[in-house]
Amino acid sequence: MDLTPDLCDQFGESLQVLTPGLRSFGGCSHFSAQAVTVKAFEDNSLVREWVAKPGHGKVLIVDGGASMRHAMLGDLLAAKAVENGWEAIVISGCIRDCVAISQMDIAVFALGTHPMKTEKLGAGQSNIRIRVQDVWIEPNGYLAGDANGLVYSNQPLAS
């Protein structure tokens, strides 16, 4: 499904397109959902907290500082997100267990993969304005993604 080109045609300049670079790793190829934001550097404690909560109609967007030294998401947390109904997880950073995640019914976008897990220090912030791929994302904004890329709006994205 080519969702984001259709959204760009429909909404035009009112959309912001995230700079290419985030790759799709999940078993679901597309999503459109309301944003929950997290900012945390090499500590996925808040990711763990959020995926344990109901996430129907939501995408967890993580500003991981574009770190390529640790994975902010692995198969256990991704499985918890699926269990709790999350539509997608988008990480400005890395994931691990990418083969397992590719079999799960969730969209997952990240910069790459890294086998090392993060520290669990409880660091980070939630529901704040974050910057991912040159786009400022507000909590409760809207993000959609597919193989063509990711688009953001402060308004609901219905095609």
Protein backbone atom coordinates (compact mmCIF):
# COMPACT_ATOMS: atom_id res chain seq x y z
CA MET A 1 0.00 0.00 0.00
CA ASP A 2 1.33 3.42 -0.98
CA LEU A 3 -0.17 5.45 1.86
CA THR A 4 2.25 8.36 2.16
CA PRO A 5 2.17 9.43 -1.53
CA ASP A 6 -1.64 9.53 -1.31
CA LEU A 7 -1.43 11.60 1.89
CA CYS A 8 1.04 13.98 0.22
CA ASP A 9 -1.35 14.37 -2.72
CA GLN A 10 -4.27 14.98 -0.38
CA PHE A 11 -2.63 17.27 2.19
CA GLY A 12 0.24 18.79 0.18
CA GLU A 13 2.34 21.40 1.92
CA SER A 14 0.48 21.01 5.22
CA LEU A 15 2.49 17.79 5.74
CA GLN A 16 6.09 17.58 6.81
CA VAL A 17 8.12 14.76 5.29
CA LEU A 18 10.79 13.24 7.51
CA THR A 19 14.22 13.19 5.90
CA PRO A 20 14.85 9.74 4.43
CA GLY A 21 17.00 7.42 6.51
CA LEU A 22 14.64 5.51 8.76
CA ARG A 23 14.23 1.93 7.53
CA SER A 24 11.23 -0.34 7.92
CA PHE A 25 11.82 -3.45 10.05
CA GLY A 26 8.36 -4.50 11.26
CA GLY A 27 5.99 -7.08 9.83
CA CYS A 28 3.41 -4.39 9.07
CA SER A 29 4.29 -2.28 6.04
CA HIS A 30 2.29 0.88 6.78
CA PHE A 31 0.57 2.82 9.56
CA SER A 32 -1.16 6.08 10.41
CA ALA A 33 -1.49 6.93 14.09
CA GLN A 34 -1.39 9.54 16.83
CA ALA A 35 2.03 10.33 18.32
CA VAL A 36 3.33 9.49 21.77
CA THR A 37 6.80 11.03 22.12
CA VAL A 38 9.86 9.92 24.08
CA LYS A 39 13.31 11.45 24.27
CA ALA A 40 16.00 9.18 25.71
CA PHE A 41 19.63 8.57 24.86
CA GLU A 42 20.88 4.98 25.07
CA ASP A 43 18.32 4.12 27.77
CA ASN A 44 15.09 2.38 26.77
CA SER A 45 13.40 2.49 30.19
CA LEU A 46 10.65 4.79 28.90
CA VAL A 47 10.16 2.66 25.78
CA ARG A 48 9.59 -0.31 28.11
CA GLU A 49 7.06 1.73 30.15
CA TRP A 50 5.11 2.94 27.13
CA VAL A 51 4.80 -0.38 25.26
CA ALA A 52 3.33 -1.91 28.43
CA LYS A 53 0.41 0.56 28.15
CA PRO A 54 -2.53 0.35 25.71
CA GLY A 55 -1.48 1.80 22.35
CA HIS A 56 -4.46 1.37 20.03
CA GLY A 57 -4.31 4.07 17.35
CA LYS A 58 -0.90 5.26 18.60
CA VAL A 59 2.68 5.36 17.35
CA LEU A 60 5.56 5.56 19.83
CA ILE A 61 8.15 7.98 18.42
CA VAL A 62 11.54 7.87 20.12
CA ASP A 63 14.22 10.53 19.78
CA GLY A 64 17.16 8.33 20.66
CA GLY A 65 19.67 10.97 19.63
CA ALA A 66 20.39 8.95 16.45
CA SER A 67 22.68 6.75 18.55
CA MET A 68 24.19 3.86 16.65
CA ARG A 69 25.79 2.32 19.79
CA HIS A 70 22.82 0.57 21.45
CA ALA A 71 19.41 -0.82 20.48
CA MET A 72 16.41 1.02 21.90
CA LEU A 73 13.99 -1.81 20.98
CA GLY A 74 14.26 -5.59 20.85
CA ASP A 75 11.91 -8.48 20.25
CA LEU A 76 10.56 -8.64 23.81
CA LEU A 77 9.51 -4.98 23.88
CA ALA A 78 8.17 -5.19 20.31
CA ALA A 79 6.08 -8.23 21.29
CA LYS A 80 4.73 -6.28 24.29
CA ALA A 81 3.81 -3.41 21.94
CA VAL A 82 1.94 -5.82 19.66
CA GLU A 83 0.15 -7.34 22.66
CA ASN A 84 -0.98 -3.86 23.73
CA GLY A 85 -2.19 -2.78 20.30
CA TRP A 86 0.45 -0.23 19.26
CA GLU A 87 0.27 0.63 15.56
CA ALA A 88 3.95 1.47 15.17
CA ILE A 89 7.26 2.37 16.80
CA VAL A 90 9.60 4.87 15.16
CA ILE A 91 13.11 5.22 16.59
CA SER A 92 15.82 7.73 15.78
CA GLY A 93 18.35 5.11 16.78
CA CYS A 94 18.72 1.34 16.50
CA ILE A 95 16.76 -1.81 17.15
CA ARG A 96 17.90 -5.40 17.62
CA ASP A 97 16.29 -8.81 17.02
CA CYS A 98 15.30 -7.56 13.57
CA VAL A 99 14.47 -11.01 12.18
CA ALA A 100 11.95 -11.64 14.98
CA ILE A 101 10.52 -8.12 14.70
CA SER A 102 10.03 -8.56 10.94
CA GLN A 103 7.53 -11.34 11.76
CA MET A 104 5.44 -9.20 14.13
CA ASP A 105 2.21 -7.37 13.26
CA ILE A 106 3.56 -3.89 13.93
CA ALA A 107 5.29 -1.22 11.86
CA VAL A 108 8.80 -0.50 13.15
CA PHE A 109 11.10 2.13 11.66
CA ALA A 110 14.66 2.80 12.85
CA LEU A 111 18.01 4.03 11.56
CA GLY A 112 19.56 0.57 11.74
CA THR A 113 20.33 -2.41 13.91
CA HIS A 114 22.78 -3.01 16.73
CA PRO A 115 23.04 -6.14 18.90
CA MET A 116 23.89 -4.31 22.17
CA LYS A 117 21.03 -3.49 24.55
CA THR A 118 20.77 -0.19 26.42
CA GLU A 119 21.28 0.63 30.05
CA LYS A 120 18.12 0.81 32.16
CA LEU A 121 18.62 3.94 34.25
CA GLY A 122 15.15 5.45 34.00
CA ALA A 123 16.47 8.43 32.04
CA GLY A 124 14.52 10.40 29.47
CA GLN A 125 11.32 12.38 29.01
CA SER A 126 7.86 11.60 27.63
CA ASN A 127 5.19 13.66 25.92
CA ILE A 128 7.49 16.47 24.93
CA ARG A 129 8.24 18.08 21.58
CA ILE A 130 11.02 16.10 19.87
CA ARG A 131 13.01 16.44 16.66
CA VAL A 132 13.31 13.37 14.43
CA GLN A 133 14.85 13.46 10.95
CA ASP A 134 14.65 17.29 10.77
CA VAL A 135 10.96 17.43 11.74
CA TRP A 136 9.62 18.72 15.06
CA ILE A 137 7.00 16.29 16.39
CA GLU A 138 4.45 17.29 19.00
CA PRO A 139 2.83 14.87 21.42
CA ASN A 140 -0.59 13.96 20.01
CA GLY A 141 0.44 14.95 16.47
CA TYR A 142 -0.03 12.42 13.67
CA LEU A 143 2.53 10.30 11.85
CA ALA A 144 2.04 7.99 8.89
CA GLY A 145 4.57 5.73 7.27
CA ASP A 146 5.15 3.14 4.58
CA ALA A 147 7.95 1.99 2.25
CA ASN A 148 7.93 5.47 0.66
CA GLY A 149 8.76 7.29 3.89
CA LEU A 150 7.24 9.02 6.90
CA VAL A 151 5.00 12.11 7.03
CA TYR A 152 3.88 14.23 9.98
CA SER A 153 0.98 16.57 10.64
CA ASN A 154 -0.52 18.31 13.64
CA GLN A 155 -3.94 17.35 12.20
CA PRO A 156 -5.43 13.85 11.81
CA LEU A 157 -4.31 12.05 8.67
CA ALA A 158 -7.26 10.37 6.99
CA SER A 159 -6.89 9.40 3.35
